[in-house]
N, C-alpha and C. Protein backbone atom coordinates (compact mmCIF):
# COMPACT_ATOMS: atom_id res chain seq x y z
N UNK A 1 8.74 -26.90 -1.40
CA UNK A 1 7.62 -26.46 -2.21
C UNK A 1 6.94 -25.25 -1.57
N UNK A 2 7.59 -24.14 -1.50
CA UNK A 2 6.99 -22.99 -0.84
C UNK A 2 7.18 -21.70 -1.62
N UNK A 3 7.34 -21.79 -2.92
CA UNK A 3 7.61 -20.59 -3.68
C UNK A 3 6.69 -20.48 -4.90
N UNK A 4 6.61 -19.27 -5.40
CA UNK A 4 5.86 -19.02 -6.63
C UNK A 4 6.47 -19.79 -7.80
N UNK A 5 7.79 -19.87 -7.83
CA UNK A 5 8.46 -20.61 -8.91
C UNK A 5 8.01 -22.07 -8.93
N UNK A 6 7.87 -22.66 -7.75
CA UNK A 6 7.41 -24.06 -7.69
C UNK A 6 5.97 -24.17 -8.14
N UNK A 7 5.15 -23.18 -7.78
CA UNK A 7 3.75 -23.18 -8.19
C UNK A 7 3.63 -23.11 -9.71
N UNK A 8 4.52 -22.36 -10.35
CA UNK A 8 4.52 -22.26 -11.82
C UNK A 8 4.78 -23.61 -12.48
N UNK A 9 5.48 -24.48 -11.80
CA UNK A 9 5.74 -25.82 -12.30
C UNK A 9 4.60 -26.78 -11.96
N UNK A 10 4.10 -26.69 -10.73
CA UNK A 10 3.13 -27.66 -10.24
C UNK A 10 1.72 -27.48 -10.80
N UNK A 11 1.27 -26.24 -10.95
CA UNK A 11 -0.11 -26.03 -11.41
C UNK A 11 -0.33 -26.63 -12.79
N UNK A 12 0.51 -26.36 -13.78
CA UNK A 12 0.28 -26.99 -15.10
C UNK A 12 0.24 -28.52 -15.02
N UNK A 13 1.06 -29.09 -14.16
CA UNK A 13 1.06 -30.55 -14.02
C UNK A 13 -0.26 -31.04 -13.41
N UNK A 14 -0.76 -30.33 -12.40
CA UNK A 14 -1.99 -30.75 -11.73
C UNK A 14 -3.22 -30.57 -12.61
N UNK A 15 -3.21 -29.55 -13.46
CA UNK A 15 -4.39 -29.34 -14.32
C UNK A 15 -4.19 -29.96 -15.70
N UNK A 16 -3.02 -30.55 -15.90
CA UNK A 16 -2.69 -31.23 -17.15
C UNK A 16 -2.82 -30.30 -18.36
N UNK A 17 -2.33 -29.06 -18.18
CA UNK A 17 -2.35 -28.06 -19.26
C UNK A 17 -1.08 -27.23 -19.14
N UNK A 18 -0.29 -27.23 -20.18
CA UNK A 18 0.94 -26.45 -20.17
C UNK A 18 0.79 -25.13 -20.93
N UNK A 19 -0.37 -24.90 -21.51
CA UNK A 19 -0.58 -23.71 -22.33
C UNK A 19 -1.16 -22.52 -21.55
N UNK A 20 -1.30 -22.64 -20.23
CA UNK A 20 -1.89 -21.57 -19.44
C UNK A 20 -0.89 -20.82 -18.57
N UNK A 21 0.39 -21.01 -18.81
CA UNK A 21 1.43 -20.40 -17.95
C UNK A 21 1.28 -18.89 -17.86
N UNK A 22 0.91 -18.24 -18.93
CA UNK A 22 0.77 -16.78 -18.93
C UNK A 22 -0.38 -16.31 -18.04
N UNK A 23 -1.33 -17.20 -17.75
CA UNK A 23 -2.50 -16.83 -16.94
C UNK A 23 -2.32 -17.14 -15.46
N UNK A 24 -1.30 -17.89 -15.11
CA UNK A 24 -1.13 -18.29 -13.71
C UNK A 24 -1.02 -17.10 -12.76
N UNK A 25 -0.32 -16.01 -13.10
CA UNK A 25 -0.31 -14.87 -12.18
C UNK A 25 -1.72 -14.34 -11.88
N UNK A 26 -2.59 -14.33 -12.88
CA UNK A 26 -3.97 -13.90 -12.66
C UNK A 26 -4.70 -14.88 -11.76
N UNK A 27 -4.50 -16.17 -11.99
CA UNK A 27 -5.14 -17.19 -11.15
C UNK A 27 -4.68 -17.05 -9.70
N UNK A 28 -3.39 -16.77 -9.51
CA UNK A 28 -2.86 -16.58 -8.15
C UNK A 28 -3.53 -15.37 -7.50
N UNK A 29 -3.63 -14.27 -8.23
CA UNK A 29 -4.26 -13.06 -7.68
C UNK A 29 -5.73 -13.29 -7.34
N UNK A 30 -6.44 -14.03 -8.17
CA UNK A 30 -7.84 -14.34 -7.88
C UNK A 30 -7.98 -15.19 -6.62
N UNK A 31 -7.10 -16.18 -6.47
CA UNK A 31 -7.13 -17.00 -5.27
C UNK A 31 -6.81 -16.16 -4.04
N UNK A 32 -5.80 -15.29 -4.13
CA UNK A 32 -5.43 -14.44 -2.99
C UNK A 32 -6.56 -13.49 -2.61
N UNK A 33 -7.31 -13.01 -3.60
CA UNK A 33 -8.46 -12.15 -3.29
C UNK A 33 -9.49 -12.93 -2.47
N UNK A 34 -9.71 -14.19 -2.82
CA UNK A 34 -10.63 -15.04 -2.07
C UNK A 34 -10.12 -15.25 -0.65
N UNK A 35 -8.83 -15.53 -0.52
CA UNK A 35 -8.21 -15.74 0.80
C UNK A 35 -8.34 -14.49 1.65
N UNK A 36 -8.06 -13.33 1.07
CA UNK A 36 -8.11 -12.09 1.83
C UNK A 36 -9.50 -11.72 2.29
N UNK A 37 -10.51 -12.14 1.57
CA UNK A 37 -11.88 -11.91 2.02
C UNK A 37 -12.28 -12.85 3.14
N UNK A 38 -11.60 -13.96 3.24
CA UNK A 38 -12.03 -15.01 4.14
C UNK A 38 -11.21 -15.17 5.41
N UNK A 39 -9.89 -15.25 5.28
CA UNK A 39 -9.04 -15.57 6.43
C UNK A 39 -8.84 -14.37 7.34
N UNK A 40 -8.86 -14.63 8.64
CA UNK A 40 -8.46 -13.67 9.66
C UNK A 40 -7.77 -14.50 10.75
N UNK A 41 -6.45 -14.68 10.58
CA UNK A 41 -5.67 -15.50 11.50
C UNK A 41 -4.47 -14.71 12.00
N UNK A 42 -3.81 -15.22 13.01
CA UNK A 42 -2.72 -14.48 13.67
C UNK A 42 -1.58 -14.12 12.72
N UNK A 43 -1.34 -14.93 11.69
CA UNK A 43 -0.28 -14.62 10.75
C UNK A 43 -0.58 -13.35 9.95
N UNK A 44 -1.82 -12.91 9.98
CA UNK A 44 -2.22 -11.71 9.26
C UNK A 44 -2.25 -10.47 10.15
N UNK A 45 -1.96 -10.64 11.44
CA UNK A 45 -2.03 -9.52 12.37
C UNK A 45 -0.79 -8.64 12.28
N UNK A 46 -1.02 -7.34 12.37
CA UNK A 46 0.07 -6.36 12.35
C UNK A 46 -0.30 -5.22 13.30
N UNK A 47 0.71 -4.52 13.78
CA UNK A 47 0.49 -3.38 14.68
C UNK A 47 0.04 -2.16 13.91
N UNK A 48 -0.82 -1.41 14.53
CA UNK A 48 -1.32 -0.15 13.96
C UNK A 48 -1.06 0.96 14.96
N UNK A 49 -0.45 2.03 14.54
CA UNK A 49 -0.25 3.20 15.39
C UNK A 49 -0.44 4.45 14.55
N UNK A 50 -0.90 5.49 15.18
CA UNK A 50 -1.06 6.75 14.47
C UNK A 50 -1.56 7.84 15.38
N UNK A 51 -1.42 9.04 14.92
CA UNK A 51 -1.92 10.22 15.61
C UNK A 51 -3.06 10.79 14.78
N UNK A 52 -4.19 11.00 15.40
CA UNK A 52 -5.37 11.53 14.72
C UNK A 52 -5.06 12.96 14.28
N UNK A 53 -5.29 13.23 12.99
CA UNK A 53 -4.97 14.56 12.46
C UNK A 53 -6.11 15.56 12.74
N UNK A 54 -5.96 16.77 12.25
CA UNK A 54 -6.94 17.84 12.50
C UNK A 54 -8.31 17.52 11.91
N UNK A 55 -8.38 16.62 10.94
CA UNK A 55 -9.66 16.22 10.35
C UNK A 55 -10.23 14.96 11.01
N UNK A 56 -9.65 14.57 12.13
CA UNK A 56 -10.07 13.37 12.88
C UNK A 56 -9.81 12.08 12.11
N UNK A 57 -8.75 12.05 11.30
CA UNK A 57 -8.45 10.90 10.46
C UNK A 57 -7.05 10.36 10.72
N UNK A 58 -6.87 9.07 10.45
CA UNK A 58 -5.57 8.43 10.32
C UNK A 58 -5.66 7.58 9.05
N UNK A 59 -4.66 7.69 8.20
CA UNK A 59 -4.65 6.89 6.97
C UNK A 59 -4.48 5.41 7.30
N UNK A 60 -5.19 4.59 6.56
CA UNK A 60 -5.08 3.14 6.72
C UNK A 60 -3.84 2.63 5.99
N UNK A 61 -3.19 1.60 6.53
CA UNK A 61 -2.08 0.98 5.80
C UNK A 61 -2.59 0.39 4.47
N UNK A 62 -1.73 0.34 3.48
CA UNK A 62 -2.15 -0.15 2.16
C UNK A 62 -2.57 -1.61 2.18
N UNK A 63 -2.08 -2.38 3.15
CA UNK A 63 -2.43 -3.81 3.23
C UNK A 63 -3.54 -4.09 4.25
N UNK A 64 -4.23 -3.05 4.71
CA UNK A 64 -5.27 -3.18 5.72
C UNK A 64 -6.47 -3.97 5.20
N UNK A 65 -6.95 -4.91 6.02
CA UNK A 65 -8.15 -5.67 5.68
C UNK A 65 -9.29 -5.38 6.68
N UNK A 66 -8.93 -5.34 7.96
CA UNK A 66 -9.92 -5.10 9.02
C UNK A 66 -9.16 -4.86 10.32
N UNK A 67 -9.84 -4.23 11.26
CA UNK A 67 -9.26 -4.06 12.59
C UNK A 67 -9.64 -5.23 13.48
N UNK A 68 -8.71 -5.65 14.29
CA UNK A 68 -8.99 -6.61 15.35
C UNK A 68 -9.36 -5.83 16.60
N UNK A 69 -8.56 -4.79 16.93
CA UNK A 69 -8.83 -3.95 18.09
C UNK A 69 -8.09 -2.63 17.95
N UNK A 70 -8.69 -1.58 18.48
CA UNK A 70 -8.07 -0.25 18.53
C UNK A 70 -8.29 0.32 19.92
N UNK A 71 -7.33 1.10 20.40
CA UNK A 71 -7.48 1.77 21.68
C UNK A 71 -6.65 3.05 21.68
N UNK A 72 -7.03 3.96 22.58
CA UNK A 72 -6.26 5.17 22.79
C UNK A 72 -5.05 4.80 23.63
N UNK A 73 -3.88 5.32 23.27
CA UNK A 73 -2.67 5.01 24.04
C UNK A 73 -2.90 5.31 25.52
N UNK A 74 -2.53 4.35 26.34
CA UNK A 74 -2.71 4.48 27.78
C UNK A 74 -4.02 3.90 28.28
N UNK A 75 -4.92 3.55 27.36
CA UNK A 75 -6.22 2.99 27.74
C UNK A 75 -6.47 1.67 27.03
N UNK A 76 -5.49 0.77 27.12
CA UNK A 76 -5.57 -0.50 26.40
C UNK A 76 -6.76 -1.35 26.83
N UNK A 77 -7.23 -1.16 28.06
CA UNK A 77 -8.36 -1.94 28.57
C UNK A 77 -9.70 -1.45 28.08
N UNK A 78 -9.72 -0.34 27.34
CA UNK A 78 -10.97 0.23 26.85
C UNK A 78 -10.89 0.35 25.33
N UNK A 79 -11.21 -0.72 24.61
CA UNK A 79 -11.11 -0.66 23.15
C UNK A 79 -12.11 0.33 22.56
N UNK A 80 -11.70 0.98 21.49
CA UNK A 80 -12.61 1.85 20.75
C UNK A 80 -13.65 1.00 20.04
N UNK A 81 -14.83 1.54 19.88
CA UNK A 81 -15.92 0.77 19.29
C UNK A 81 -16.17 1.21 17.85
N UNK A 82 -16.33 0.24 16.94
CA UNK A 82 -16.66 0.60 15.56
C UNK A 82 -18.11 1.07 15.46
N UNK A 83 -18.32 2.09 14.64
CA UNK A 83 -19.65 2.64 14.41
C UNK A 83 -19.79 2.94 12.93
N UNK A 84 -20.98 3.30 12.53
CA UNK A 84 -21.17 3.74 11.15
C UNK A 84 -20.48 5.09 10.97
N UNK A 85 -20.08 5.38 9.75
CA UNK A 85 -19.44 6.65 9.46
C UNK A 85 -20.36 7.81 9.83
N UNK A 86 -21.62 7.69 9.52
CA UNK A 86 -22.59 8.75 9.82
C UNK A 86 -22.64 9.03 11.31
N UNK A 87 -22.60 7.99 12.11
CA UNK A 87 -22.65 8.15 13.56
C UNK A 87 -21.41 8.87 14.08
N UNK A 88 -20.24 8.50 13.59
CA UNK A 88 -19.00 9.14 14.05
C UNK A 88 -18.95 10.59 13.61
N UNK A 89 -19.34 10.86 12.38
CA UNK A 89 -19.34 12.24 11.87
C UNK A 89 -20.32 13.10 12.66
N UNK A 90 -21.47 12.53 13.00
CA UNK A 90 -22.49 13.30 13.71
C UNK A 90 -22.05 13.71 15.12
N UNK A 91 -21.04 13.04 15.66
CA UNK A 91 -20.54 13.41 16.99
C UNK A 91 -19.91 14.79 16.97
N UNK A 92 -19.36 15.19 15.84
CA UNK A 92 -18.71 16.48 15.64
C UNK A 92 -17.68 16.79 16.72
N UNK A 93 -17.05 15.75 17.24
CA UNK A 93 -16.03 15.94 18.26
C UNK A 93 -14.67 16.11 17.58
N UNK A 94 -13.95 17.14 17.96
CA UNK A 94 -12.62 17.36 17.39
C UNK A 94 -11.53 17.29 18.44
N UNK A 95 -11.91 17.20 19.69
CA UNK A 95 -10.91 17.09 20.75
C UNK A 95 -11.39 16.11 21.80
N UNK A 96 -10.52 15.78 22.72
CA UNK A 96 -10.84 14.78 23.73
C UNK A 96 -10.59 13.39 23.19
N UNK A 97 -10.46 12.45 24.08
CA UNK A 97 -10.19 11.07 23.68
C UNK A 97 -11.37 10.50 22.91
N UNK A 98 -11.11 9.80 21.83
CA UNK A 98 -12.20 9.21 21.06
C UNK A 98 -12.78 7.97 21.76
N UNK A 99 -14.02 7.66 21.42
CA UNK A 99 -14.69 6.46 21.89
C UNK A 99 -15.04 5.54 20.72
N UNK A 100 -15.24 6.17 19.56
CA UNK A 100 -15.71 5.44 18.39
C UNK A 100 -14.81 5.70 17.18
N UNK A 101 -14.91 4.80 16.21
CA UNK A 101 -14.21 4.98 14.93
C UNK A 101 -15.06 4.39 13.81
N UNK A 102 -14.76 4.84 12.60
CA UNK A 102 -15.43 4.30 11.40
C UNK A 102 -14.46 4.38 10.24
N UNK A 103 -14.63 3.50 9.30
CA UNK A 103 -13.81 3.53 8.09
C UNK A 103 -14.39 4.58 7.16
N UNK A 104 -13.50 5.43 6.66
CA UNK A 104 -13.88 6.53 5.78
C UNK A 104 -12.94 6.52 4.58
N UNK A 105 -13.29 5.75 3.56
CA UNK A 105 -12.43 5.61 2.39
C UNK A 105 -11.15 4.88 2.76
N UNK A 106 -10.01 5.52 2.51
CA UNK A 106 -8.71 4.94 2.84
C UNK A 106 -8.20 5.41 4.19
N UNK A 107 -9.11 5.89 5.03
CA UNK A 107 -8.74 6.39 6.35
C UNK A 107 -9.68 5.82 7.40
N UNK A 108 -9.31 6.02 8.64
CA UNK A 108 -10.20 5.69 9.75
C UNK A 108 -10.51 7.00 10.45
N UNK A 109 -11.79 7.26 10.68
CA UNK A 109 -12.26 8.51 11.29
C UNK A 109 -12.62 8.26 12.76
N UNK A 110 -12.26 9.21 13.59
CA UNK A 110 -12.50 9.10 15.03
C UNK A 110 -13.39 10.25 15.51
N UNK A 111 -13.97 10.08 16.68
CA UNK A 111 -14.79 11.13 17.28
C UNK A 111 -14.01 11.86 18.37
N UNK A 112 -12.73 12.04 18.16
CA UNK A 112 -11.88 12.74 19.12
C UNK A 112 -10.47 12.82 18.57
N UNK A 113 -9.53 13.09 19.45
CA UNK A 113 -8.14 13.26 19.01
C UNK A 113 -7.20 12.47 19.91
N UNK A 114 -5.94 12.38 19.49
CA UNK A 114 -4.93 11.71 20.29
C UNK A 114 -4.19 10.64 19.51
N UNK A 115 -3.43 9.87 20.24
CA UNK A 115 -2.66 8.77 19.65
C UNK A 115 -3.43 7.47 19.81
N UNK A 116 -3.45 6.70 18.74
CA UNK A 116 -4.21 5.45 18.72
C UNK A 116 -3.26 4.31 18.38
N UNK A 117 -3.47 3.19 19.04
CA UNK A 117 -2.70 1.97 18.79
C UNK A 117 -3.70 0.84 18.61
N UNK A 118 -3.27 -0.19 17.93
CA UNK A 118 -4.15 -1.33 17.77
C UNK A 118 -3.52 -2.45 16.97
N UNK A 119 -4.36 -3.36 16.59
CA UNK A 119 -3.96 -4.52 15.78
C UNK A 119 -4.93 -4.60 14.61
N UNK A 120 -4.35 -4.79 13.43
CA UNK A 120 -5.20 -4.94 12.24
C UNK A 120 -4.80 -6.20 11.50
N UNK A 121 -5.70 -6.66 10.66
CA UNK A 121 -5.42 -7.79 9.79
C UNK A 121 -4.92 -7.23 8.46
N UNK A 122 -3.73 -7.69 8.07
CA UNK A 122 -3.17 -7.27 6.79
C UNK A 122 -3.41 -8.34 5.75
N UNK A 123 -3.47 -7.92 4.50
CA UNK A 123 -3.68 -8.88 3.42
C UNK A 123 -2.46 -9.80 3.29
N UNK A 124 -2.71 -10.95 2.73
CA UNK A 124 -1.62 -11.89 2.45
C UNK A 124 -0.73 -11.24 1.40
N UNK A 125 0.58 -11.14 1.64
CA UNK A 125 1.46 -10.54 0.63
C UNK A 125 1.35 -11.28 -0.70
N UNK A 126 1.24 -10.53 -1.77
CA UNK A 126 1.08 -11.12 -3.10
C UNK A 126 2.24 -12.02 -3.46
N UNK A 127 1.93 -13.25 -3.79
CA UNK A 127 2.96 -14.25 -4.07
C UNK A 127 3.73 -13.94 -5.36
N UNK A 128 3.06 -13.39 -6.34
CA UNK A 128 3.72 -13.10 -7.61
C UNK A 128 4.86 -12.11 -7.39
N UNK A 129 4.60 -11.05 -6.61
CA UNK A 129 5.62 -10.03 -6.36
C UNK A 129 6.65 -10.49 -5.33
N UNK A 130 6.20 -11.19 -4.30
CA UNK A 130 7.08 -11.55 -3.19
C UNK A 130 7.89 -12.82 -3.45
N UNK A 131 7.36 -13.71 -4.29
CA UNK A 131 8.05 -14.98 -4.54
C UNK A 131 7.70 -16.04 -3.52
N UNK A 132 7.43 -15.63 -2.29
CA UNK A 132 7.00 -16.53 -1.22
C UNK A 132 6.30 -15.68 -0.16
N UNK A 133 5.48 -16.29 0.65
CA UNK A 133 4.83 -15.61 1.77
C UNK A 133 4.47 -16.64 2.83
N UNK A 134 3.94 -16.19 3.95
CA UNK A 134 3.67 -17.10 5.06
C UNK A 134 2.65 -18.17 4.67
N UNK A 135 1.64 -17.83 3.88
CA UNK A 135 0.62 -18.81 3.51
C UNK A 135 1.19 -19.88 2.60
N UNK A 136 2.00 -19.49 1.66
CA UNK A 136 2.62 -20.46 0.75
C UNK A 136 3.55 -21.39 1.51
N UNK A 137 4.25 -20.85 2.49
CA UNK A 137 5.15 -21.66 3.31
C UNK A 137 4.38 -22.60 4.23
N UNK A 138 3.33 -22.09 4.86
CA UNK A 138 2.57 -22.89 5.83
C UNK A 138 1.59 -23.85 5.18
N UNK A 139 1.06 -23.47 4.01
CA UNK A 139 0.01 -24.28 3.38
C UNK A 139 0.11 -24.19 1.86
N UNK A 140 1.19 -24.74 1.34
CA UNK A 140 1.40 -24.71 -0.11
C UNK A 140 0.21 -25.34 -0.83
N UNK A 141 -0.37 -26.36 -0.24
CA UNK A 141 -1.49 -27.03 -0.88
C UNK A 141 -2.69 -26.10 -1.07
N UNK A 142 -2.89 -25.14 -0.19
CA UNK A 142 -3.97 -24.16 -0.39
C UNK A 142 -3.76 -23.41 -1.70
N UNK A 143 -2.53 -22.95 -1.92
CA UNK A 143 -2.23 -22.26 -3.18
C UNK A 143 -2.40 -23.20 -4.37
N UNK A 144 -1.85 -24.39 -4.28
CA UNK A 144 -1.92 -25.33 -5.40
C UNK A 144 -3.37 -25.61 -5.79
N UNK A 145 -4.19 -25.97 -4.81
CA UNK A 145 -5.58 -26.30 -5.10
C UNK A 145 -6.39 -25.06 -5.48
N UNK A 146 -6.12 -23.93 -4.81
CA UNK A 146 -6.85 -22.69 -5.12
C UNK A 146 -6.55 -22.18 -6.51
N UNK A 147 -5.29 -22.19 -6.90
CA UNK A 147 -4.91 -21.72 -8.24
C UNK A 147 -5.44 -22.69 -9.30
N UNK A 148 -5.39 -23.98 -9.02
CA UNK A 148 -5.94 -24.97 -9.95
C UNK A 148 -7.45 -24.76 -10.12
N UNK A 149 -8.14 -24.41 -9.03
CA UNK A 149 -9.57 -24.11 -9.11
C UNK A 149 -9.83 -22.93 -10.04
N UNK A 150 -9.03 -21.88 -9.88
CA UNK A 150 -9.21 -20.70 -10.75
C UNK A 150 -8.91 -21.05 -12.21
N UNK A 151 -7.92 -21.90 -12.44
CA UNK A 151 -7.60 -22.32 -13.81
C UNK A 151 -8.76 -23.09 -14.43
N UNK A 152 -9.37 -23.98 -13.66
CA UNK A 152 -10.51 -24.75 -14.19
C UNK A 152 -11.73 -23.87 -14.41
N UNK A 153 -11.90 -22.83 -13.58
CA UNK A 153 -12.98 -21.87 -13.85
C UNK A 153 -12.74 -21.17 -15.18
N UNK A 154 -11.50 -20.81 -15.42
CA UNK A 154 -11.13 -20.19 -16.70
C UNK A 154 -11.43 -21.13 -17.87
N UNK A 155 -11.19 -22.41 -17.67
CA UNK A 155 -11.42 -23.41 -18.71
C UNK A 155 -12.89 -23.83 -18.81
N UNK A 156 -13.74 -23.22 -17.98
CA UNK A 156 -15.17 -23.52 -17.92
C UNK A 156 -15.46 -24.97 -17.55
N UNK A 157 -14.59 -25.53 -16.74
CA UNK A 157 -14.78 -26.89 -16.22
C UNK A 157 -15.21 -26.78 -14.76
N UNK A 158 -16.51 -26.56 -14.59
CA UNK A 158 -17.03 -26.27 -13.26
C UNK A 158 -16.88 -27.43 -12.28
N UNK A 159 -16.98 -28.65 -12.75
CA UNK A 159 -16.86 -29.81 -11.86
C UNK A 159 -15.45 -29.88 -11.26
N UNK A 160 -14.44 -29.76 -12.10
CA UNK A 160 -13.07 -29.81 -11.58
C UNK A 160 -12.76 -28.57 -10.74
N UNK A 161 -13.28 -27.42 -11.16
CA UNK A 161 -13.08 -26.20 -10.37
C UNK A 161 -13.65 -26.39 -8.97
N UNK A 162 -14.84 -26.98 -8.89
CA UNK A 162 -15.47 -27.21 -7.59
C UNK A 162 -14.68 -28.19 -6.75
N UNK A 163 -14.14 -29.23 -7.38
CA UNK A 163 -13.35 -30.22 -6.64
C UNK A 163 -12.08 -29.58 -6.07
N UNK A 164 -11.38 -28.79 -6.88
CA UNK A 164 -10.17 -28.13 -6.39
C UNK A 164 -10.52 -27.06 -5.36
N UNK A 165 -11.63 -26.35 -5.58
CA UNK A 165 -12.05 -25.33 -4.62
C UNK A 165 -12.33 -25.97 -3.26
N UNK A 166 -12.99 -27.13 -3.27
CA UNK A 166 -13.29 -27.82 -2.01
C UNK A 166 -12.00 -28.20 -1.27
N UNK A 167 -11.00 -28.64 -2.01
CA UNK A 167 -9.73 -29.00 -1.36
C UNK A 167 -9.04 -27.76 -0.79
N UNK A 168 -9.03 -26.67 -1.55
CA UNK A 168 -8.44 -25.42 -1.05
C UNK A 168 -9.22 -24.92 0.16
N UNK A 169 -10.54 -25.00 0.09
CA UNK A 169 -11.40 -24.57 1.18
C UNK A 169 -11.13 -25.39 2.45
N UNK A 170 -10.91 -26.68 2.29
CA UNK A 170 -10.59 -27.54 3.42
C UNK A 170 -9.28 -27.10 4.09
N UNK A 171 -8.28 -26.77 3.29
CA UNK A 171 -7.01 -26.31 3.85
C UNK A 171 -7.20 -24.99 4.60
N UNK A 172 -7.96 -24.07 4.01
CA UNK A 172 -8.21 -22.78 4.67
C UNK A 172 -8.98 -22.98 5.96
N UNK A 173 -9.94 -23.91 5.98
CA UNK A 173 -10.66 -24.23 7.22
C UNK A 173 -9.69 -24.77 8.27
N UNK A 174 -8.76 -25.63 7.85
CA UNK A 174 -7.78 -26.17 8.80
C UNK A 174 -6.90 -25.07 9.37
N UNK A 175 -6.51 -24.10 8.55
CA UNK A 175 -5.70 -22.98 9.04
C UNK A 175 -6.47 -22.21 10.11
N UNK A 176 -7.74 -21.94 9.85
CA UNK A 176 -8.58 -21.21 10.80
C UNK A 176 -8.76 -22.01 12.09
N UNK A 177 -9.04 -23.30 11.96
CA UNK A 177 -9.22 -24.15 13.14
C UNK A 177 -7.94 -24.24 13.97
N UNK A 178 -6.82 -24.38 13.31
CA UNK A 178 -5.53 -24.44 14.02
C UNK A 178 -5.26 -23.14 14.74
N UNK A 179 -5.54 -22.02 14.10
CA UNK A 179 -5.35 -20.72 14.73
C UNK A 179 -6.22 -20.60 15.98
N UNK A 180 -7.47 -20.98 15.89
CA UNK A 180 -8.36 -20.92 17.07
C UNK A 180 -7.87 -21.84 18.18
N UNK A 181 -7.48 -23.04 17.82
CA UNK A 181 -6.99 -23.99 18.82
C UNK A 181 -5.74 -23.44 19.51
N UNK A 182 -4.81 -22.90 18.73
CA UNK A 182 -3.57 -22.39 19.30
C UNK A 182 -3.80 -21.16 20.18
N UNK A 183 -4.76 -20.34 19.83
CA UNK A 183 -5.05 -19.14 20.62
C UNK A 183 -5.77 -19.46 21.92
N UNK A 184 -6.63 -20.43 21.89
CA UNK A 184 -7.51 -20.69 23.02
C UNK A 184 -7.35 -22.10 23.56
N UNK A 185 -6.13 -22.46 23.89
CA UNK A 185 -5.89 -23.79 24.46
C UNK A 185 -6.47 -23.83 25.87
N UNK A 186 -7.11 -24.93 26.18
CA UNK A 186 -7.72 -25.07 27.50
C UNK A 186 -9.08 -24.44 27.53
N UNK A 187 -9.75 -24.60 28.66
CA UNK A 187 -11.11 -24.05 28.77
C UNK A 187 -11.08 -22.53 28.89
N UNK A 188 -12.08 -21.90 28.29
CA UNK A 188 -12.24 -20.46 28.45
C UNK A 188 -12.97 -20.19 29.75
N UNK A 189 -12.50 -19.21 30.49
CA UNK A 189 -13.09 -18.91 31.78
C UNK A 189 -13.61 -17.48 31.77
N UNK A 190 -14.85 -17.31 32.21
CA UNK A 190 -15.42 -15.96 32.32
C UNK A 190 -14.78 -15.24 33.49
N UNK A 191 -14.50 -13.97 33.29
CA UNK A 191 -13.84 -13.18 34.31
C UNK A 191 -14.76 -12.03 34.72
N UNK A 192 -15.00 -11.86 36.01
CA UNK A 192 -15.82 -10.77 36.51
C UNK A 192 -14.96 -9.53 36.62
N UNK A 193 -15.48 -8.41 36.16
CA UNK A 193 -14.73 -7.15 36.23
C UNK A 193 -15.15 -6.34 37.40
């Protein structure tokens, strides 16, 4: 049970409505939008690399959600700091290693130049187009309950929508908790620099 095809069979059964099949792709997209606003786990991490252009910009990947960390190549121990766009622009720096960055539309703007590397959170690949993705494989129940919630919202059945939303929310909380547990096993220890 880890594919979009299976979801097309299961959702109508769970909501006891077979007449909404044409709307399921929309329900899936609405649920994925909610997931993408909320989840930030290791399965969403991807590498980011680029060279700052003459306008102090690097284009963002189309699946970009947020940065986890950015640094200038060779200075991995000194992460770049996020700032407001106004602050970065006011630096008027066009050369030298950057210290700050800001999101500027579909690009990231820096206060310097050079090669930048980092890690960003990418959106969950759309299940309708992909047929399957890591979230559907790892937590099919999140999709089932989340899509059922969207279907009940469409049907104006707020009580059932809330019940399914709570179940989907519980699964998403478990994914986040598991990610934190797996990343930080054992006691955290402060390190003096």
